[in-house]
Amino acid sequence: MGEDNNALRRTGIGMMLLFWMLFMGAGTWWFHGYLEEQRNPNAHLVNAVDGAESLTLSRNRSGHFVATGRINGEPVEFLLDTGATYVSVPSGLAERLALTPSGSAWFNTANGRVRGELTTLDEVSLGGFSANDVRGSISPGLDGDVALLGMSFLNRFDIEIRDARMVLRPSTQE
């Protein structure tokens, strides 16, 4: 009878450990998703289809407009930057997207003057809006895989910013 109790106790402890491991794993998975939603509340836009009249973006927890779109059909996370002249792509991301430089230039950035490469992006899309032959830059000073979505794309839209929302509509000016 003593061996049966020990076996039952070991089974109970094993089940309890399994429960807590599953509970902690599920909690970690949920918390990661929660943090990702706080960092990029517009990630769902990567799967948007054409035809929308407007696009509404939400600020992230840091106060920036971050959204996932596409460059040449590949998913890319964008930081919308109305102060940037071009769509600026970090060097590593440019290699992954196989972007070809078309000349070098100096750029004035928040971190000072830097030298980068000019390029043309075949297609840039965000939330169902897309543009072809968009001027871009390959910026060695940018880290990570986040591209700056500058005015070479955004100038095609009327932009309205209120509180924690940015609304893009196709420009009425020709």
C-alpha atoms as a PDB file:
ATOM      1  CA  MET A   1       0.000   0.000   0.000  1.00  0.00           C
ATOM      2  CA  GLY A   2       2.967   2.345   0.703  1.00  0.00           C
ATOM      3  CA  GLU A   3       4.295   2.015  -2.857  1.00  0.00           C
ATOM      4  CA  ASP A   4       0.876   2.888  -4.295  1.00  0.00           C
ATOM      5  CA  ASN A   5       0.767   6.078  -2.185  1.00  0.00           C
ATOM      6  CA  ASN A   6       4.273   7.096  -3.309  1.00  0.00           C
ATOM      7  CA  ALA A   7       3.386   6.478  -6.979  1.00  0.00           C
ATOM      8  CA  LEU A   8       0.165   8.470  -6.581  1.00  0.00           C
ATOM      9  CA  ARG A   9       2.069  11.304  -4.869  1.00  0.00           C
ATOM     10  CA  ARG A  10       4.701  11.401  -7.668  1.00  0.00           C
ATOM     11  CA  THR A  11       1.939  11.466 -10.298  1.00  0.00           C
ATOM     12  CA  GLY A  12       0.219  14.317  -8.441  1.00  0.00           C
ATOM     13  CA  ILE A  13       3.441  16.315  -8.192  1.00  0.00           C
ATOM     14  CA  GLY A  14       4.167  15.687 -11.873  1.00  0.00           C
ATOM     15  CA  MET A  15       0.673  16.874 -12.857  1.00  0.00           C
ATOM     16  CA  MET A  16       1.056  19.974 -10.673  1.00  0.00           C
ATOM     17  CA  LEU A  17       4.441  20.798 -12.255  1.00  0.00           C
ATOM     18  CA  LEU A  18       2.974  20.278 -15.734  1.00  0.00           C
ATOM     19  CA  PHE A  19       0.058  22.585 -14.893  1.00  0.00           C
ATOM     20  CA  TRP A  20       2.364  25.370 -13.688  1.00  0.00           C
ATOM     21  CA  MET A  21       4.672  25.022 -16.687  1.00  0.00           C
ATOM     22  CA  LEU A  22       1.706  25.264 -19.069  1.00  0.00           C
ATOM     23  CA  PHE A  23       0.262  28.164 -17.082  1.00  0.00           C
ATOM     24  CA  MET A  24       3.549  30.084 -17.173  1.00  0.00           C
ATOM     25  CA  GLY A  25       4.051  29.317 -20.886  1.00  0.00           C
ATOM     26  CA  ALA A  26       0.560  30.558 -21.754  1.00  0.00           C
ATOM     27  CA  GLY A  27       1.071  33.654 -19.596  1.00  0.00           C
ATOM     28  CA  THR A  28       4.371  34.431 -21.294  1.00  0.00           C
ATOM     29  CA  TRP A  29       2.806  33.979 -24.750  1.00  0.00           C
ATOM     30  CA  TRP A  30      -0.103  36.282 -23.835  1.00  0.00           C
ATOM     31  CA  PHE A  31       2.160  38.923 -22.258  1.00  0.00           C
ATOM     32  CA  HIS A  32       4.446  38.954 -25.308  1.00  0.00           C
ATOM     33  CA  GLY A  33       1.411  39.552 -27.538  1.00  0.00           C
ATOM     34  CA  TYR A  34       0.237  42.328 -25.219  1.00  0.00           C
ATOM     35  CA  LEU A  35       3.643  44.055 -25.341  1.00  0.00           C
ATOM     36  CA  GLU A  36       3.812  43.686 -29.133  1.00  0.00           C
ATOM     37  CA  GLU A  37       0.356  45.281 -29.444  1.00  0.00           C
ATOM     38  CA  GLN A  38       1.571  48.207 -27.319  1.00  0.00           C
ATOM     39  CA  ARG A  39       4.678  48.636 -29.505  1.00  0.00           C
ATOM     40  CA  ASN A  40       2.936  48.269 -32.895  1.00  0.00           C
ATOM     41  CA  PRO A  41      -0.834  48.733 -32.609  1.00  0.00           C
ATOM     42  CA  ASN A  42      -1.125  48.861 -36.416  1.00  0.00           C
ATOM     43  CA  ALA A  43       0.537  45.529 -37.251  1.00  0.00           C
ATOM     44  CA  HIS A  44      -2.692  44.211 -38.766  1.00  0.00           C
ATOM     45  CA  LEU A  45      -2.375  46.656 -41.675  1.00  0.00           C
ATOM     46  CA  VAL A  46       0.115  44.396 -43.449  1.00  0.00           C
ATOM     47  CA  ASN A  47      -2.833  42.246 -44.609  1.00  0.00           C
ATOM     48  CA  ALA A  48      -5.154  45.101 -45.635  1.00  0.00           C
ATOM     49  CA  VAL A  49      -6.586  45.076 -49.139  1.00  0.00           C
ATOM     50  CA  ASP A  50      -7.019  47.933 -51.615  1.00  0.00           C
ATOM     51  CA  GLY A  51     -10.165  49.998 -51.761  1.00  0.00           C
ATOM     52  CA  ALA A  52     -10.283  51.870 -48.451  1.00  0.00           C
ATOM     53  CA  GLU A  53     -11.155  55.571 -48.544  1.00  0.00           C
ATOM     54  CA  SER A  54      -9.023  56.344 -45.515  1.00  0.00           C
ATOM     55  CA  LEU A  55      -6.561  54.710 -43.174  1.00  0.00           C
ATOM     56  CA  THR A  56      -6.592  55.373 -39.430  1.00  0.00           C
ATOM     57  CA  LEU A  57      -3.461  54.676 -37.404  1.00  0.00           C
ATOM     58  CA  SER A  58      -3.108  54.622 -33.626  1.00  0.00           C
ATOM     59  CA  ARG A  59      -0.107  55.920 -31.689  1.00  0.00           C
ATOM     60  CA  ASN A  60       1.918  53.332 -29.855  1.00  0.00           C
ATOM     61  CA  ARG A  61       2.678  53.530 -26.162  1.00  0.00           C
ATOM     62  CA  SER A  62       5.727  55.731 -26.882  1.00  0.00           C
ATOM     63  CA  GLY A  63       3.624  58.232 -28.837  1.00  0.00           C
ATOM     64  CA  HIS A  64       4.854  57.201 -32.306  1.00  0.00           C
ATOM     65  CA  PHE A  65       2.900  55.966 -35.283  1.00  0.00           C
ATOM     66  CA  VAL A  66       4.279  52.503 -36.041  1.00  0.00           C
ATOM     67  CA  ALA A  67       2.644  50.263 -38.635  1.00  0.00           C
ATOM     68  CA  THR A  68       3.471  47.192 -40.651  1.00  0.00           C
ATOM     69  CA  GLY A  69       3.324  47.599 -44.418  1.00  0.00           C
ATOM     70  CA  ARG A  70       5.262  46.270 -47.378  1.00  0.00           C
ATOM     71  CA  ILE A  71       8.226  47.260 -49.532  1.00  0.00           C
ATOM     72  CA  ASN A  72       8.374  45.412 -52.842  1.00  0.00           C
ATOM     73  CA  GLY A  73       5.891  42.873 -51.453  1.00  0.00           C
ATOM     74  CA  GLU A  74       7.897  42.059 -48.311  1.00  0.00           C
ATOM     75  CA  PRO A  75       6.490  42.878 -44.843  1.00  0.00           C
ATOM     76  CA  VAL A  76       8.303  45.801 -43.204  1.00  0.00           C
ATOM     77  CA  GLU A  77       7.682  47.632 -39.970  1.00  0.00           C
ATOM     78  CA  PHE A  78       7.452  51.387 -40.546  1.00  0.00           C
ATOM     79  CA  LEU A  79       7.882  54.338 -38.226  1.00  0.00           C
ATOM     80  CA  LEU A  80       5.870  57.108 -39.888  1.00  0.00           C
ATOM     81  CA  ASP A  81       8.058  60.210 -40.021  1.00  0.00           C
ATOM     82  CA  THR A  82       6.630  63.368 -41.593  1.00  0.00           C
ATOM     83  CA  GLY A  83      10.030  65.019 -41.067  1.00  0.00           C
ATOM     84  CA  ALA A  84      11.841  62.505 -43.278  1.00  0.00           C
ATOM     85  CA  THR A  85      12.197  63.328 -46.962  1.00  0.00           C
ATOM     86  CA  TYR A  86      12.471  59.731 -48.175  1.00  0.00           C
ATOM     87  CA  VAL A  87      11.486  56.262 -47.114  1.00  0.00           C
ATOM     88  CA  SER A  88      14.680  55.415 -45.214  1.00  0.00           C
ATOM     89  CA  VAL A  89      15.690  51.775 -45.023  1.00  0.00           C
ATOM     90  CA  PRO A  90      18.436  50.405 -42.739  1.00  0.00           C
ATOM     91  CA  SER A  91      21.368  48.765 -44.545  1.00  0.00           C
ATOM     92  CA  GLY A  92      20.591  45.248 -43.318  1.00  0.00           C
ATOM     93  CA  LEU A  93      16.962  45.497 -44.406  1.00  0.00           C
ATOM     94  CA  ALA A  94      18.037  46.940 -47.775  1.00  0.00           C
ATOM     95  CA  GLU A  95      20.220  43.858 -48.335  1.00  0.00           C
ATOM     96  CA  ARG A  96      17.341  41.552 -47.429  1.00  0.00           C
ATOM     97  CA  LEU A  97      15.045  43.422 -49.859  1.00  0.00           C
ATOM     98  CA  ALA A  98      17.782  43.402 -52.551  1.00  0.00           C
ATOM     99  CA  LEU A  99      17.572  47.178 -53.029  1.00  0.00           C
ATOM    100  CA  THR A 100      20.046  48.628 -55.514  1.00  0.00           C
ATOM    101  CA  PRO A 101      21.710  51.971 -54.772  1.00  0.00           C
ATOM    102  CA  SER A 102      21.486  54.617 -57.485  1.00  0.00           C
ATOM    103  CA  GLY A 103      23.922  57.145 -56.009  1.00  0.00           C
ATOM    104  CA  SER A 104      25.092  58.544 -52.720  1.00  0.00           C
ATOM    105  CA  ALA A 105      23.912  61.625 -50.855  1.00  0.00           C
ATOM    106  CA  TRP A 106      24.272  63.445 -47.542  1.00  0.00           C
ATOM    107  CA  PHE A 107      21.279  63.512 -45.217  1.00  0.00           C
ATOM    108  CA  ASN A 108      20.515  65.796 -42.282  1.00  0.00           C
ATOM    109  CA  THR A 109      19.061  63.643 -39.522  1.00  0.00           C
ATOM    110  CA  ALA A 110      18.177  64.099 -35.869  1.00  0.00           C
ATOM    111  CA  ASN A 111      21.596  62.571 -35.128  1.00  0.00           C
ATOM    112  CA  GLY A 112      23.485  64.887 -37.435  1.00  0.00           C
ATOM    113  CA  ARG A 113      24.705  64.718 -41.016  1.00  0.00           C
ATOM    114  CA  VAL A 114      25.184  61.230 -42.479  1.00  0.00           C
ATOM    115  CA  ARG A 115      26.070  59.782 -45.847  1.00  0.00           C
ATOM    116  CA  GLY A 116      23.739  57.247 -47.402  1.00  0.00           C
ATOM    117  CA  GLU A 117      22.641  55.806 -50.717  1.00  0.00           C
ATOM    118  CA  LEU A 118      19.666  56.793 -52.832  1.00  0.00           C
ATOM    119  CA  THR A 119      17.395  54.110 -54.248  1.00  0.00           C
ATOM    120  CA  THR A 120      13.985  53.678 -55.826  1.00  0.00           C
ATOM    121  CA  LEU A 121      11.471  51.344 -54.225  1.00  0.00           C
ATOM    122  CA  ASP A 122       9.311  49.566 -56.787  1.00  0.00           C
ATOM    123  CA  GLU A 123       6.276  49.501 -54.511  1.00  0.00           C
ATOM    124  CA  VAL A 124       5.485  50.703 -51.003  1.00  0.00           C
ATOM    125  CA  SER A 125       2.142  49.805 -49.437  1.00  0.00           C
ATOM    126  CA  LEU A 126       0.442  50.542 -46.153  1.00  0.00           C
ATOM    127  CA  GLY A 127      -3.046  49.494 -45.166  1.00  0.00           C
ATOM    128  CA  GLY A 128      -4.374  49.033 -48.688  1.00  0.00           C
ATOM    129  CA  PHE A 129      -2.722  52.182 -50.067  1.00  0.00           C
ATOM    130  CA  SER A 130       0.218  51.645 -52.378  1.00  0.00           C
ATOM    131  CA  ALA A 131       2.579  53.737 -54.473  1.00  0.00           C
ATOM    132  CA  ASN A 132       5.024  52.774 -57.180  1.00  0.00           C
ATOM    133  CA  ASP A 133       8.511  54.168 -57.884  1.00  0.00           C
ATOM    134  CA  VAL A 134       8.948  55.717 -54.443  1.00  0.00           C
ATOM    135  CA  ARG A 135      12.214  57.522 -53.738  1.00  0.00           C
ATOM    136  CA  GLY A 136      14.110  56.003 -50.862  1.00  0.00           C
ATOM    137  CA  SER A 137      17.400  56.016 -49.082  1.00  0.00           C
ATOM    138  CA  ILE A 138      19.590  53.291 -47.654  1.00  0.00           C
ATOM    139  CA  SER A 139      20.752  54.635 -44.328  1.00  0.00           C
ATOM    140  CA  PRO A 140      23.673  52.926 -42.607  1.00  0.00           C
ATOM    141  CA  GLY A 141      22.939  54.887 -39.407  1.00  0.00           C
ATOM    142  CA  LEU A 142      19.582  53.189 -38.840  1.00  0.00           C
ATOM    143  CA  ASP A 143      19.603  50.099 -36.656  1.00  0.00           C
ATOM    144  CA  GLY A 144      17.301  47.111 -36.753  1.00  0.00           C
ATOM    145  CA  ASP A 145      14.621  46.354 -39.307  1.00  0.00           C
ATOM    146  CA  VAL A 146      12.370  49.405 -38.855  1.00  0.00           C
ATOM    147  CA  ALA A 147      12.167  51.707 -41.884  1.00  0.00           C
ATOM    148  CA  LEU A 148      11.211  55.379 -41.702  1.00  0.00           C
ATOM    149  CA  LEU A 149       8.151  56.027 -43.850  1.00  0.00           C
ATOM    150  CA  GLY A 150       8.921  59.544 -45.059  1.00  0.00           C
ATOM    151  CA  MET A 151       7.283  62.110 -47.276  1.00  0.00           C
ATOM    152  CA  SER A 152       8.282  60.469 -50.589  1.00  0.00           C
ATOM    153  CA  PHE A 153       5.369  58.116 -49.754  1.00  0.00           C
ATOM    154  CA  LEU A 154       3.284  60.215 -47.366  1.00  0.00           C
ATOM    155  CA  ASN A 155       3.067  63.292 -49.643  1.00  0.00           C
ATOM    156  CA  ARG A 156       0.584  61.335 -51.783  1.00  0.00           C
ATOM    157  CA  PHE A 157      -1.944  61.598 -48.947  1.00  0.00           C
ATOM    158  CA  ASP A 158      -3.799  64.189 -46.936  1.00  0.00           C
ATOM    159  CA  ILE A 159      -2.654  63.709 -43.346  1.00  0.00           C
ATOM    160  CA  GLU A 160      -4.751  64.564 -40.311  1.00  0.00           C
ATOM    161  CA  ILE A 161      -3.351  64.062 -36.814  1.00  0.00           C
ATOM    162  CA  ARG A 162      -5.618  64.399 -33.785  1.00  0.00           C
ATOM    163  CA  ASP A 163      -4.804  63.155 -30.331  1.00  0.00           C
ATOM    164  CA  ALA A 164      -3.669  59.534 -30.675  1.00  0.00           C
ATOM    165  CA  ARG A 165      -4.878  59.047 -34.264  1.00  0.00           C
ATOM    166  CA  MET A 166      -3.451  59.732 -37.715  1.00  0.00           C
ATOM    167  CA  VAL A 167      -5.792  59.557 -40.691  1.00  0.00           C
ATOM    168  CA  LEU A 168      -4.420  59.184 -44.232  1.00  0.00           C
ATOM    169  CA  ARG A 169      -6.635  59.891 -47.236  1.00  0.00           C
ATOM    170  CA  PRO A 170      -5.608  59.918 -50.894  1.00  0.00           C
ATOM    171  CA  SER A 171      -4.591  63.479 -51.767  1.00  0.00           C
ATOM    172  CA  THR A 172      -7.189  65.631 -53.467  1.00  0.00           C
ATOM    173  CA  GLN A 173      -4.448  67.717 -55.136  1.00  0.00           C
ATOM    174  CA  GLU A 174      -2.984  66.625 -58.431  1.00  0.00           C
END
